[in-house]
Amino acid sequence: MAKDLNKVQLTGRLGADPEMRFTPQGSAVTTFRVASNRSWKTTEGEQKEDTEWFSIVAWNKLAEICNQYLAKGSRVYIEGRSQTRSWEDTASGQTRYKTEIIANDMIILDGRRDGVAYNGAAEDVDDSWDSAPEPTQAPAPAPRRQPAPAAAPVSAAPAPARASSGGGTT
């Protein structure tokens, strides 16, 4: 039997600061939206541009890193899987759906030498978020980001920093 693949890779900029909250079991979960632009020329030579918005969910250590180091306007690479969750809207009784990217890898692309790296391939994900309804009220703010420590001088440009939340197979 062939194995299917659910893998998403994208780059873009955050549209707002990330929001971190915790599940009842204590797992950190950070959500944010990333705008990814696409540009092309028409057959008439006219330049066109389109923006697609993605909802990103990061868990555990990756959630903490995203909350601490990302901000509105940050340019990032995100790798993860697409997941659509559903819930019943208590006000209307209708079933609602939301497609999100569950991040397992993140690279800050702002070009700074103090980029953040994280690889948490062995982390477990708390799936209690999957069936949770959309929040109707803004969550209490989580502790905010701190400046990243300055990197030591190097003779050559460092490789881009990576951050992962794990999972191995998707």
Foldseek 3Di string as FASTA:
>chain_A
DDDDDFKDKAKFFWQFQWFWDADPVGKIKIKTKGKGKDWDADPVRDIDMDIDIAIEIEIHPVNVVSQAPGGGGWIKMFMAGKDKAWEQDPVPRDIDIDIHGYTFKMFGDPQALLTAAAHQQPADGDCPVRHDDDDPDRDDGDDGHDDRDHDDDDPDRDDTHMHGNHDPGD
